[in-house]
Amino acid sequence: MRSVAAALLVAAGGVVVAGVNARRAAVAGGRAEPLADSFRGALTAARRRMDRRIRVNAETVPVTAGAATAATGGSALPASPGPGGGTHGAEAVDAGVTFPGGNRAPVAPGPRRPAGARGFVPALEGLRGIAAVGVMTTHVAFVTRSSFGSPVKRVLGRLDLAVAVFFAKSGFLLWRAHARHAREDKPGTARPTGEFLRSRVERIMPAYVVLVAAAMLLLRQNHVNGPVTWLLNLTLTQIYTPRFLVAGLTHAWSLAVEMAFYMVLPVLWTAMKGLRGDSAKWRIPAILAFGASGLVFPAVPWQSLGLIPAGVNVQILPPAFTAWFAAGMLLAEIATAPPGTLVRMCRDRAARYGWWVAGGAALVATTVPAWFSEGFVHPGPVEFAARTGLAGAMAFLVLSPVVLAPEGTRFPVLESAPLQKLGSWSYGLFLWHQLVLLAAFPLTRTALWERRMGVIWPVTFGGSLAAAVASYHLLEEPARRALERR
């Protein structure tokens, strides 16, 4: 309200000063016009200045002490070169505003770049923690037969689509440097392939290898598994064989898909390295085509053509999920490009709720019995494509307001300490929750498939959280530091 009042005062003062000056000049020149005409002309000029000032304020950072510090070389608001050699944030050109009398006053810096343009985005960490809990909840609902039969249960049965958020987040973070590299018209690629692949192995494999050993050794039903099963699961290649499901490791299919994406990503960014500078506009159509291929892939009769062995689940192979990764890659391109329509749609603080409601609607649409089967039922190609497409749209809609909001926008809940911690521990929560879930049944004296989700869920969440904390502090972080020193 103070900014509105200030704008009105400036406008009123401008009207008075401009009117008096215009009248005085007209009288001195012998061309005095009626006072009403003088006032009308001054009012029109002042209104134009006010409209211009409002547009500037709507698209820029408010002038604060912190912004002034950054504009003079301080560190309150970091800025960086923008595409094409321009600048964003505190380094934007100060055009200034001329007030009556010839005085110039500085305006606020230019449009803030999207929060996801570079650097760490805390709200993404909170979303990752929520997504991990969603995946765990679906698995609890499945084994307690609570994933079908009512609208609420059907939603619980489709929270596995939170995996799309994981994949899109990976696509965004891993593609962002290459999108920015291309927009800045730099040659080659942004990151060496060997360095990238090593970082991915260091992040994923240490805790996962321990999980495989624990599942194989602690679960009696896995003692019949031989060296081949061990090898397939240790190398995340189990999804390329029939009957790959192993107790305690059934959820690892998504890690196998993600690891395959890591292998393909350098091929993609190398193939697109020529689309830079003025040609960068073709990157988004190329990524859209990559994502659309995943919707078509399961419909091709690969096994009838003899290209995929019989018994392999085509709907769990990596090419079937390109739409989910492409959703994040598109966000990376949009966040690093000059701000456009989607970025402007995320600038209002209240807009995030509209985006999230739309994302929730996409998820709920996958639970409508008239359109989609309930529970864990193997869908046909058309249903699979529709479900996967809606999940990709949901991931895009959920991540967009976080990634495309102006830099410095706060998301109090997602950035709260509990969700930040949950995000840090989310990988461990995802890894260990299946083992904890299997242990929750005998611990609570509940038979498998018994409808006691209200009992099994809190035990599974509490045990999985404890395992995730231990995994993070005793395994994941020590392994990462040790491998980085080599």
Protein backbone atom coordinates (compact mmCIF):
# COMPACT_ATOMS: atom_id res chain seq x y z
CA MET A 1 0.00 0.00 0.00
CA ARG A 2 2.89 2.39 0.71
CA SER A 3 4.20 1.95 -2.82
CA VAL A 4 0.75 2.70 -4.27
CA ALA A 5 0.39 5.81 -2.11
CA ALA A 6 3.84 7.01 -3.16
CA ALA A 7 2.96 6.53 -6.82
CA LEU A 8 -0.26 8.51 -6.38
CA LEU A 9 1.58 11.34 -4.63
CA VAL A 10 4.17 11.46 -7.39
CA ALA A 11 1.41 11.55 -10.01
CA ALA A 12 -0.50 14.31 -8.22
CA GLY A 13 2.61 16.38 -7.80
CA GLY A 14 3.48 15.87 -11.44
CA VAL A 15 0.05 17.04 -12.52
CA VAL A 16 0.27 20.24 -10.49
CA VAL A 17 3.84 21.11 -11.46
CA ALA A 18 3.34 20.27 -15.13
CA GLY A 19 0.09 22.23 -15.26
CA VAL A 20 1.60 25.32 -13.68
CA ASN A 21 4.66 25.18 -15.95
CA ALA A 22 2.55 24.71 -19.07
CA ARG A 23 0.25 27.58 -18.16
CA ARG A 24 3.15 29.92 -17.33
CA ALA A 25 4.93 29.10 -20.63
CA ALA A 26 1.75 29.62 -22.64
CA VAL A 27 1.11 33.00 -21.06
CA ALA A 28 4.70 34.14 -21.58
CA GLY A 29 4.54 33.18 -25.27
CA GLY A 30 1.25 34.89 -25.89
CA ARG A 31 -0.55 31.67 -26.69
CA ALA A 32 -2.45 31.09 -23.49
CA GLU A 33 -5.13 28.44 -23.76
CA PRO A 34 -8.09 27.83 -21.48
CA LEU A 35 -7.10 26.57 -18.06
CA ALA A 36 -9.13 23.38 -18.52
CA ASP A 37 -7.12 22.47 -21.63
CA SER A 38 -3.85 23.10 -19.82
CA PHE A 39 -4.94 20.91 -16.94
CA ARG A 40 -6.18 18.15 -19.29
CA GLY A 41 -2.88 18.04 -21.16
CA ALA A 42 -0.86 17.94 -17.95
CA LEU A 43 -3.08 15.17 -16.57
CA THR A 44 -2.57 13.06 -19.72
CA ALA A 45 1.22 13.46 -19.52
CA ALA A 46 1.26 12.59 -15.82
CA ARG A 47 -0.91 9.53 -16.40
CA ARG A 48 1.53 8.25 -19.01
CA ARG A 49 4.43 8.70 -16.59
CA MET A 50 2.51 6.90 -13.85
CA ASP A 51 1.66 3.98 -16.15
CA ARG A 52 5.30 3.71 -17.13
CA ARG A 53 6.38 3.77 -13.49
CA ILE A 54 3.85 1.06 -12.53
CA ARG A 55 5.06 -1.19 -15.36
CA VAL A 56 8.65 -0.77 -14.22
CA ASN A 57 7.76 -1.55 -10.60
CA ALA A 58 5.75 -4.62 -11.59
CA GLU A 59 8.67 -6.12 -13.50
CA THR A 60 11.60 -5.15 -11.29
CA VAL A 61 13.05 -5.67 -7.87
CA PRO A 62 11.87 -3.13 -5.29
CA VAL A 63 14.59 -0.58 -4.56
CA THR A 64 15.94 -1.58 -1.18
CA ALA A 65 19.15 -1.07 0.69
CA GLY A 66 20.20 -4.57 -0.32
CA ALA A 67 19.55 -3.90 -3.99
CA ALA A 68 21.44 -0.62 -3.79
CA THR A 69 24.38 -2.46 -2.24
CA ALA A 70 24.41 -4.99 -5.06
CA ALA A 71 24.16 -2.26 -7.70
CA THR A 72 27.31 -0.66 -6.36
CA GLY A 73 29.31 -3.86 -6.27
CA GLY A 74 28.14 -5.29 -2.95
CA SER A 75 27.01 -8.86 -2.32
CA ALA A 76 23.42 -8.41 -1.18
CA LEU A 77 21.98 -9.41 -4.56
CA PRO A 78 24.35 -11.47 -6.72
CA ALA A 79 24.10 -10.95 -10.43
CA SER A 80 25.59 -12.72 -13.38
CA PRO A 81 25.99 -12.27 -17.13
CA GLY A 82 22.88 -13.08 -19.08
CA PRO A 83 22.45 -14.66 -22.49
CA GLY A 84 24.01 -12.77 -25.34
CA GLY A 85 26.33 -10.79 -23.09
CA GLY A 86 23.54 -8.90 -21.32
CA THR A 87 22.97 -8.83 -17.60
CA HIS A 88 20.29 -9.67 -15.09
CA GLY A 89 19.54 -8.54 -11.57
CA ALA A 90 21.70 -5.84 -10.03
CA GLU A 91 23.78 -5.36 -13.17
CA ALA A 92 20.80 -4.34 -15.33
CA VAL A 93 21.06 -1.00 -17.14
CA ASP A 94 19.71 1.90 -15.08
CA ALA A 95 17.70 3.96 -17.52
CA GLY A 96 16.37 6.36 -14.89
CA VAL A 97 13.19 8.44 -14.81
CA THR A 98 13.12 12.18 -15.59
CA PHE A 99 10.89 14.24 -13.31
CA PRO A 100 9.68 17.82 -13.90
CA GLY A 101 12.59 20.20 -13.65
CA GLY A 102 15.02 17.84 -15.39
CA ASN A 103 16.04 15.81 -12.31
CA ARG A 104 16.76 12.12 -12.85
CA ALA A 105 16.08 9.41 -10.30
CA PRO A 106 17.33 5.81 -10.60
CA VAL A 107 14.78 3.06 -11.11
CA ALA A 108 14.97 -0.44 -9.75
CA PRO A 109 17.13 -3.05 -11.53
CA GLY A 110 15.79 -4.96 -14.52
CA PRO A 111 13.64 -8.11 -14.31
CA ARG A 112 14.94 -10.68 -11.89
CA ARG A 113 16.03 -13.91 -13.48
CA PRO A 114 14.10 -17.07 -12.52
CA ALA A 115 15.12 -18.68 -9.26
CA GLY A 116 16.12 -21.85 -11.08
CA ALA A 117 18.43 -20.13 -13.57
CA ARG A 118 21.46 -21.18 -11.54
CA GLY A 119 22.48 -22.24 -8.06
CA PHE A 120 20.72 -24.15 -5.29
CA VAL A 121 16.92 -23.88 -5.10
CA PRO A 122 15.85 -24.73 -1.52
CA ALA A 123 12.18 -25.26 -2.39
CA LEU A 124 13.16 -28.10 -4.75
CA GLU A 125 14.67 -29.91 -1.77
CA GLY A 126 11.35 -29.70 0.04
CA LEU A 127 9.47 -31.03 -2.99
CA ARG A 128 11.89 -33.93 -3.21
CA GLY A 129 11.14 -34.89 0.38
CA ILE A 130 7.38 -34.77 -0.24
CA ALA A 131 7.77 -36.90 -3.38
CA ALA A 132 9.71 -39.56 -1.44
CA VAL A 133 6.91 -39.78 1.13
CA GLY A 134 4.40 -40.06 -1.71
CA VAL A 135 6.18 -43.06 -3.23
CA MET A 136 6.41 -44.74 0.18
CA THR A 137 2.69 -44.09 0.80
CA THR A 138 1.68 -45.81 -2.45
CA HIS A 139 3.67 -48.92 -1.57
CA VAL A 140 2.08 -49.06 1.89
CA ALA A 141 -1.36 -48.64 0.31
CA PHE A 142 -0.66 -51.46 -2.14
CA VAL A 143 0.35 -54.09 0.42
CA THR A 144 -2.53 -53.12 2.73
CA ARG A 145 -5.05 -53.25 -0.14
CA SER A 146 -5.82 -49.56 0.30
CA SER A 147 -4.99 -48.43 -3.24
CA PHE A 148 -8.44 -48.91 -4.79
CA GLY A 149 -12.16 -48.87 -4.01
CA SER A 150 -12.78 -45.17 -3.27
CA PRO A 151 -11.60 -41.78 -4.59
CA VAL A 152 -9.18 -41.29 -1.69
CA LYS A 153 -7.76 -44.80 -2.00
CA ARG A 154 -7.35 -44.41 -5.74
CA VAL A 155 -5.28 -41.27 -5.12
CA LEU A 156 -3.14 -43.17 -2.62
CA GLY A 157 -2.64 -45.83 -5.28
CA ARG A 158 -1.36 -43.27 -7.80
CA LEU A 159 1.13 -41.42 -5.61
CA ASP A 160 3.76 -43.59 -7.27
CA LEU A 161 3.57 -40.97 -10.02
CA ALA A 162 5.64 -38.82 -7.67
CA VAL A 163 8.53 -40.63 -9.37
CA ALA A 164 7.82 -38.26 -12.27
CA VAL A 165 8.77 -35.37 -9.97
CA PHE A 166 12.07 -37.12 -9.17
CA PHE A 167 12.83 -37.66 -12.86
CA ALA A 168 11.82 -34.13 -13.88
CA LYS A 169 13.92 -32.64 -11.08
CA SER A 170 16.92 -34.67 -12.27
CA GLY A 171 16.29 -33.61 -15.85
CA PHE A 172 16.13 -29.97 -14.80
CA LEU A 173 19.24 -29.90 -12.62
CA LEU A 174 21.41 -31.96 -14.97
CA TRP A 175 20.36 -30.12 -18.14
CA ARG A 176 20.43 -26.57 -16.76
CA ALA A 177 24.17 -25.94 -17.23
CA HIS A 178 23.97 -27.03 -20.87
CA ALA A 179 20.90 -24.90 -21.55
CA ARG A 180 22.63 -21.84 -20.09
CA HIS A 181 25.84 -22.70 -21.99
CA ALA A 182 23.93 -22.73 -25.27
CA ARG A 183 22.01 -19.53 -24.53
CA GLU A 184 25.31 -17.77 -23.87
CA ASP A 185 26.50 -18.96 -27.29
CA LYS A 186 29.48 -20.87 -25.91
CA PRO A 187 31.00 -23.66 -28.02
CA GLY A 188 31.12 -27.35 -27.09
CA THR A 189 29.33 -28.65 -24.00
CA ALA A 190 29.14 -27.32 -20.47
CA ARG A 191 30.59 -30.36 -18.71
CA PRO A 192 32.96 -33.23 -19.56
CA THR A 193 31.17 -36.57 -19.88
CA GLY A 194 33.60 -38.53 -17.69
CA GLU A 195 33.35 -36.07 -14.81
CA PHE A 196 29.56 -36.10 -15.00
CA LEU A 197 29.19 -39.89 -15.04
CA ARG A 198 31.62 -40.28 -12.15
CA SER A 199 29.64 -37.80 -10.04
CA ARG A 200 26.44 -39.76 -10.69
CA VAL A 201 27.98 -43.08 -9.73
CA GLU A 202 29.41 -41.55 -6.56
CA ARG A 203 25.99 -40.22 -5.60
CA ILE A 204 23.85 -43.27 -6.40
CA MET A 205 25.85 -46.43 -5.96
CA PRO A 206 27.44 -46.58 -2.45
CA ALA A 207 24.16 -46.62 -0.51
CA TYR A 208 22.43 -48.70 -3.18
CA VAL A 209 25.07 -51.45 -3.07
CA VAL A 210 24.61 -51.70 0.70
CA LEU A 211 20.84 -51.92 0.21
CA VAL A 212 21.20 -54.80 -2.27
CA ALA A 213 23.44 -56.72 0.14
CA ALA A 214 21.02 -56.11 3.01
CA ALA A 215 17.97 -57.24 1.02
CA MET A 216 19.70 -60.36 -0.26
CA LEU A 217 21.12 -61.40 3.11
CA LEU A 218 18.39 -60.34 5.54
CA LEU A 219 15.31 -61.54 3.69
CA ARG A 220 14.94 -65.31 3.74
CA GLN A 221 13.00 -65.41 0.48
CA ASN A 222 16.01 -63.92 -1.30
CA HIS A 223 18.41 -66.66 -0.23
CA VAL A 224 17.47 -68.68 -3.33
CA ASN A 225 18.83 -65.96 -5.60
CA GLY A 226 22.09 -66.85 -7.31
CA PRO A 227 25.08 -64.79 -8.53
CA VAL A 228 23.29 -63.66 -11.69
CA THR A 229 20.47 -62.06 -9.70
CA TRP A 230 23.03 -60.41 -7.43
CA LEU A 231 24.95 -59.07 -10.43
CA LEU A 232 21.86 -57.78 -12.23
CA ASN A 233 20.67 -55.88 -9.18
CA LEU A 234 24.10 -54.55 -8.26
CA THR A 235 24.55 -53.14 -11.75
CA LEU A 236 20.98 -51.80 -12.07
CA THR A 237 20.35 -53.89 -15.15
CA GLN A 238 17.62 -56.10 -13.69
CA ILE A 239 14.79 -54.35 -15.58
CA TYR A 240 16.10 -55.66 -18.90
CA THR A 241 15.28 -59.26 -17.93
CA PRO A 242 12.01 -61.13 -17.28
CA ARG A 243 10.94 -61.72 -13.67
CA PHE A 244 13.33 -59.14 -12.26
CA LEU A 245 11.39 -58.41 -9.05
CA VAL A 246 13.32 -59.17 -5.85
CA ALA A 247 11.88 -58.67 -2.36
CA GLY A 248 13.01 -55.40 -0.84
CA LEU A 249 14.28 -54.17 -4.22
CA THR A 250 11.12 -53.92 -6.31
CA HIS A 251 11.26 -50.12 -6.27
CA ALA A 252 14.81 -50.05 -7.65
CA TRP A 253 13.44 -50.14 -11.21
CA SER A 254 13.29 -46.33 -11.08
CA LEU A 255 16.98 -46.15 -10.17
CA ALA A 256 17.75 -48.39 -13.15
CA VAL A 257 15.78 -46.03 -15.40
CA GLU A 258 17.51 -42.98 -13.95
CA MET A 259 20.95 -44.53 -14.38
CA ALA A 260 20.13 -45.21 -18.04
CA PHE A 261 19.15 -41.55 -18.41
CA TYR A 262 22.55 -40.56 -17.00
CA MET A 263 24.17 -42.62 -19.74
CA VAL A 264 22.02 -41.06 -22.48
CA LEU A 265 22.26 -37.47 -21.28
CA PRO A 266 25.81 -36.84 -22.62
CA VAL A 267 24.67 -38.12 -26.01
CA LEU A 268 21.78 -35.65 -25.97
CA TRP A 269 23.77 -32.61 -24.96
CA THR A 270 26.53 -33.47 -27.46
CA ALA A 271 23.98 -33.89 -30.25
CA MET A 272 22.47 -30.48 -29.42
CA LYS A 273 25.72 -28.56 -28.86
CA GLY A 274 25.29 -26.82 -32.22
CA LEU A 275 21.93 -25.37 -31.15
CA ARG A 276 23.34 -22.29 -29.44
CA GLY A 277 23.06 -18.54 -29.73
CA ASP A 278 20.41 -17.68 -32.31
CA SER A 279 19.80 -21.39 -32.99
CA ALA A 280 19.00 -22.09 -29.31
CA LYS A 281 15.31 -21.54 -30.11
CA TRP A 282 15.29 -25.03 -31.68
CA ARG A 283 16.30 -26.71 -28.43
CA ILE A 284 12.79 -26.75 -26.99
CA PRO A 285 11.23 -28.45 -30.07
CA ALA A 286 14.02 -31.04 -29.96
CA ILE A 287 13.34 -31.77 -26.27
CA LEU A 288 9.59 -31.97 -26.93
CA ALA A 289 10.26 -34.59 -29.59
CA PHE A 290 12.48 -36.50 -27.17
CA GLY A 291 9.71 -36.47 -24.55
CA ALA A 292 7.00 -37.46 -27.02
CA SER A 293 9.00 -40.52 -28.06
CA GLY A 294 8.35 -42.03 -24.65
CA LEU A 295 4.60 -41.89 -25.17
CA VAL A 296 4.91 -43.82 -28.42
CA PHE A 297 7.57 -46.33 -27.38
CA PRO A 298 5.32 -48.81 -25.46
CA ALA A 299 2.87 -48.96 -28.39
CA VAL A 300 5.48 -50.40 -30.76
CA PRO A 301 5.35 -54.26 -30.87
CA TRP A 302 9.04 -54.63 -30.04
CA GLN A 303 8.73 -58.24 -28.93
CA SER A 304 6.75 -59.28 -32.01
CA LEU A 305 9.50 -57.73 -34.11
CA GLY A 306 12.09 -59.72 -32.19
CA LEU A 307 13.88 -56.60 -30.95
CA ILE A 308 13.12 -57.11 -27.24
CA PRO A 309 13.14 -60.55 -25.54
CA ALA A 310 9.79 -62.04 -24.62
CA GLY A 311 8.84 -61.50 -21.00
CA VAL A 312 10.60 -58.14 -20.62
CA ASN A 313 8.21 -55.46 -19.41
CA VAL A 314 8.38 -52.80 -22.12
CA GLN A 315 6.52 -50.32 -19.89
CA ILE A 316 9.35 -50.25 -17.38
CA LEU A 317 12.21 -49.70 -19.82
CA PRO A 318 13.94 -46.28 -19.86
CA PRO A 319 12.58 -45.08 -23.25
CA ALA A 320 9.06 -45.27 -21.81
CA PHE A 321 9.81 -42.42 -19.39
CA THR A 322 11.46 -39.81 -21.58
CA ALA A 323 8.47 -37.48 -21.07
CA TRP A 324 9.24 -37.22 -17.36
CA PHE A 325 12.87 -36.26 -17.89
CA ALA A 326 11.92 -33.96 -20.76
CA ALA A 327 9.59 -32.03 -18.43
CA GLY A 328 12.60 -31.00 -16.35
CA MET A 329 14.79 -30.35 -19.39
CA LEU A 330 12.14 -27.98 -20.76
CA LEU A 331 12.09 -26.12 -17.46
CA ALA A 332 15.88 -25.78 -17.67
CA GLU A 333 15.60 -24.25 -21.13
CA ILE A 334 12.84 -21.86 -20.05
CA ALA A 335 14.65 -20.81 -16.85
CA THR A 336 17.87 -19.94 -18.68
CA ALA A 337 16.26 -18.21 -21.67
CA PRO A 338 15.17 -14.54 -21.69
CA PRO A 339 11.99 -14.33 -19.56
CA GLY A 340 8.87 -15.15 -21.56
CA THR A 341 5.20 -15.81 -20.98
CA LEU A 342 5.60 -18.79 -18.62
CA VAL A 343 8.08 -16.89 -16.47
CA ARG A 344 5.74 -13.91 -16.25
CA MET A 345 2.93 -16.26 -15.24
CA CYS A 346 5.01 -17.36 -12.24
CA ARG A 347 5.92 -13.87 -11.02
CA ASP A 348 2.83 -13.34 -8.89
CA ARG A 349 3.24 -14.94 -5.48
CA ALA A 350 -0.33 -16.26 -5.54
CA ALA A 351 0.20 -17.90 -8.95
CA ARG A 352 1.98 -20.87 -7.41
CA TYR A 353 -1.30 -22.16 -6.00
CA GLY A 354 -2.91 -22.14 -9.42
CA TRP A 355 -0.01 -24.13 -10.86
CA TRP A 356 -0.11 -26.63 -7.99
CA VAL A 357 -3.89 -27.05 -8.22
CA ALA A 358 -3.51 -27.78 -11.93
CA GLY A 359 -0.78 -30.31 -11.14
CA GLY A 360 -3.02 -31.95 -8.55
CA ALA A 361 -5.84 -32.09 -11.09
CA ALA A 362 -3.54 -33.91 -13.53
CA LEU A 363 -2.75 -36.47 -10.83
CA VAL A 364 -6.41 -36.90 -9.85
CA ALA A 365 -7.34 -37.41 -13.51
CA THR A 366 -5.23 -40.59 -13.53
CA THR A 367 -7.47 -42.04 -10.81
CA VAL A 368 -10.79 -41.74 -12.67
CA PRO A 369 -12.02 -45.36 -13.10
CA ALA A 370 -13.74 -44.57 -16.40
CA TRP A 371 -10.40 -43.60 -17.90
CA PHE A 372 -7.77 -45.59 -16.01
CA SER A 373 -7.53 -48.96 -14.28
CA GLU A 374 -7.25 -49.06 -10.48
CA GLY A 375 -4.30 -50.30 -8.48
CA PHE A 376 -1.22 -51.95 -9.95
CA VAL A 377 -2.77 -53.24 -13.16
CA HIS A 378 -0.74 -53.59 -16.35
CA PRO A 379 -2.35 -50.96 -18.66
CA GLY A 380 -2.66 -51.04 -22.42
CA PRO A 381 -0.44 -48.81 -24.60
CA VAL A 382 -2.98 -45.99 -24.89
CA GLU A 383 -3.74 -45.93 -21.17
CA PHE A 384 -0.04 -46.08 -20.35
CA ALA A 385 0.71 -43.15 -22.67
CA ALA A 386 -2.13 -41.10 -21.18
CA ARG A 387 -1.06 -41.83 -17.61
CA THR A 388 2.59 -41.13 -18.33
CA GLY A 389 1.73 -37.92 -20.16
CA LEU A 390 -0.45 -36.67 -17.30
CA ALA A 391 2.28 -37.52 -14.79
CA GLY A 392 4.80 -35.57 -16.87
CA ALA A 393 2.42 -32.61 -16.98
CA MET A 394 1.91 -32.91 -13.22
CA ALA A 395 5.67 -32.81 -12.61
CA PHE A 396 6.04 -29.76 -14.88
CA LEU A 397 3.20 -27.93 -13.13
CA VAL A 398 4.51 -28.74 -9.65
CA LEU A 399 8.08 -27.65 -10.37
CA SER A 400 7.35 -24.59 -12.53
CA PRO A 401 6.34 -22.08 -9.83
CA VAL A 402 9.45 -23.01 -7.82
CA VAL A 403 11.88 -22.90 -10.73
CA LEU A 404 10.43 -19.96 -12.66
CA ALA A 405 9.54 -17.67 -9.76
CA PRO A 406 11.71 -14.54 -9.50
CA GLU A 407 15.05 -15.07 -7.82
CA GLY A 408 14.68 -14.49 -4.10
CA THR A 409 11.05 -15.62 -3.91
CA ARG A 410 10.38 -17.44 -0.67
CA PHE A 411 8.40 -20.65 -0.22
CA PRO A 412 8.08 -20.79 3.58
CA VAL A 413 6.69 -24.32 3.86
CA LEU A 414 8.96 -25.95 1.28
CA GLU A 415 11.96 -24.09 2.71
CA SER A 416 11.11 -24.94 6.31
CA ALA A 417 13.72 -26.82 8.32
CA PRO A 418 11.74 -30.10 8.54
CA LEU A 419 11.17 -30.33 4.79
CA GLN A 420 14.74 -29.31 4.03
CA LYS A 421 15.98 -32.13 6.22
CA LEU A 422 13.47 -34.52 4.70
CA GLY A 423 14.75 -33.54 1.26
CA SER A 424 18.34 -34.20 2.32
CA TRP A 425 17.36 -37.62 3.59
CA SER A 426 14.94 -38.43 0.76
CA TYR A 427 17.29 -40.74 -1.13
CA GLY A 428 17.78 -42.89 1.94
CA LEU A 429 14.04 -42.79 2.66
CA PHE A 430 13.38 -44.02 -0.86
CA LEU A 431 16.05 -46.72 -0.69
CA TRP A 432 15.22 -48.30 2.65
CA HIS A 433 11.45 -47.96 2.95
CA GLN A 434 10.69 -51.30 1.28
CA LEU A 435 12.78 -53.26 3.77
CA VAL A 436 11.21 -51.34 6.65
CA LEU A 437 7.75 -51.93 5.19
CA LEU A 438 8.28 -55.69 5.11
CA ALA A 439 9.48 -55.59 8.72
CA ALA A 440 6.47 -53.51 9.83
CA PHE A 441 4.03 -56.42 9.41
CA PRO A 442 5.54 -58.86 11.90
CA LEU A 443 6.47 -55.96 14.18
CA THR A 444 2.81 -54.91 14.44
CA ARG A 445 1.50 -58.47 14.28
CA THR A 446 -0.28 -57.72 11.04
CA ALA A 447 -0.74 -60.18 8.21
CA LEU A 448 0.48 -59.17 4.76
CA TRP A 449 -2.38 -57.64 2.70
CA GLU A 450 -4.41 -56.94 5.85
CA ARG A 451 -6.25 -53.62 5.62
CA ARG A 452 -4.39 -51.81 8.38
CA MET A 453 -2.76 -48.91 6.58
CA GLY A 454 -3.33 -46.69 9.62
CA VAL A 455 -1.02 -48.97 11.58
CA ILE A 456 1.54 -49.87 8.92
CA TRP A 457 2.07 -46.36 7.50
CA PRO A 458 3.36 -44.61 10.66
CA VAL A 459 5.61 -47.53 11.53
CA THR A 460 7.00 -47.61 8.00
CA PHE A 461 7.52 -43.85 7.90
CA GLY A 462 9.20 -43.70 11.30
CA GLY A 463 11.48 -46.64 10.60
CA SER A 464 12.31 -45.43 7.10
CA LEU A 465 13.13 -41.94 8.39
CA ALA A 466 15.47 -43.38 11.01
CA ALA A 467 17.14 -45.56 8.38
CA ALA A 468 17.42 -42.56 6.03
CA VAL A 469 19.13 -40.42 8.68
CA ALA A 470 21.60 -43.19 9.44
CA SER A 471 22.18 -43.80 5.72
CA TYR A 472 22.84 -40.12 5.07
CA HIS A 473 25.25 -39.51 7.93
CA LEU A 474 26.99 -42.88 8.12
CA LEU A 475 27.04 -43.97 4.50
CA GLU A 476 26.08 -41.47 1.79
CA GLU A 477 28.03 -38.42 2.95
CA PRO A 478 31.17 -40.31 4.11
CA ALA A 479 31.26 -42.22 0.79
CA ARG A 480 30.83 -39.03 -1.20
CA ARG A 481 33.65 -37.26 0.64
CA ALA A 482 35.95 -40.26 0.34
CA LEU A 483 35.32 -40.63 -3.39
CA GLU A 484 35.75 -36.91 -4.05
CA ARG A 485 39.22 -37.00 -2.44
CA ARG A 486 40.41 -39.64 -4.89
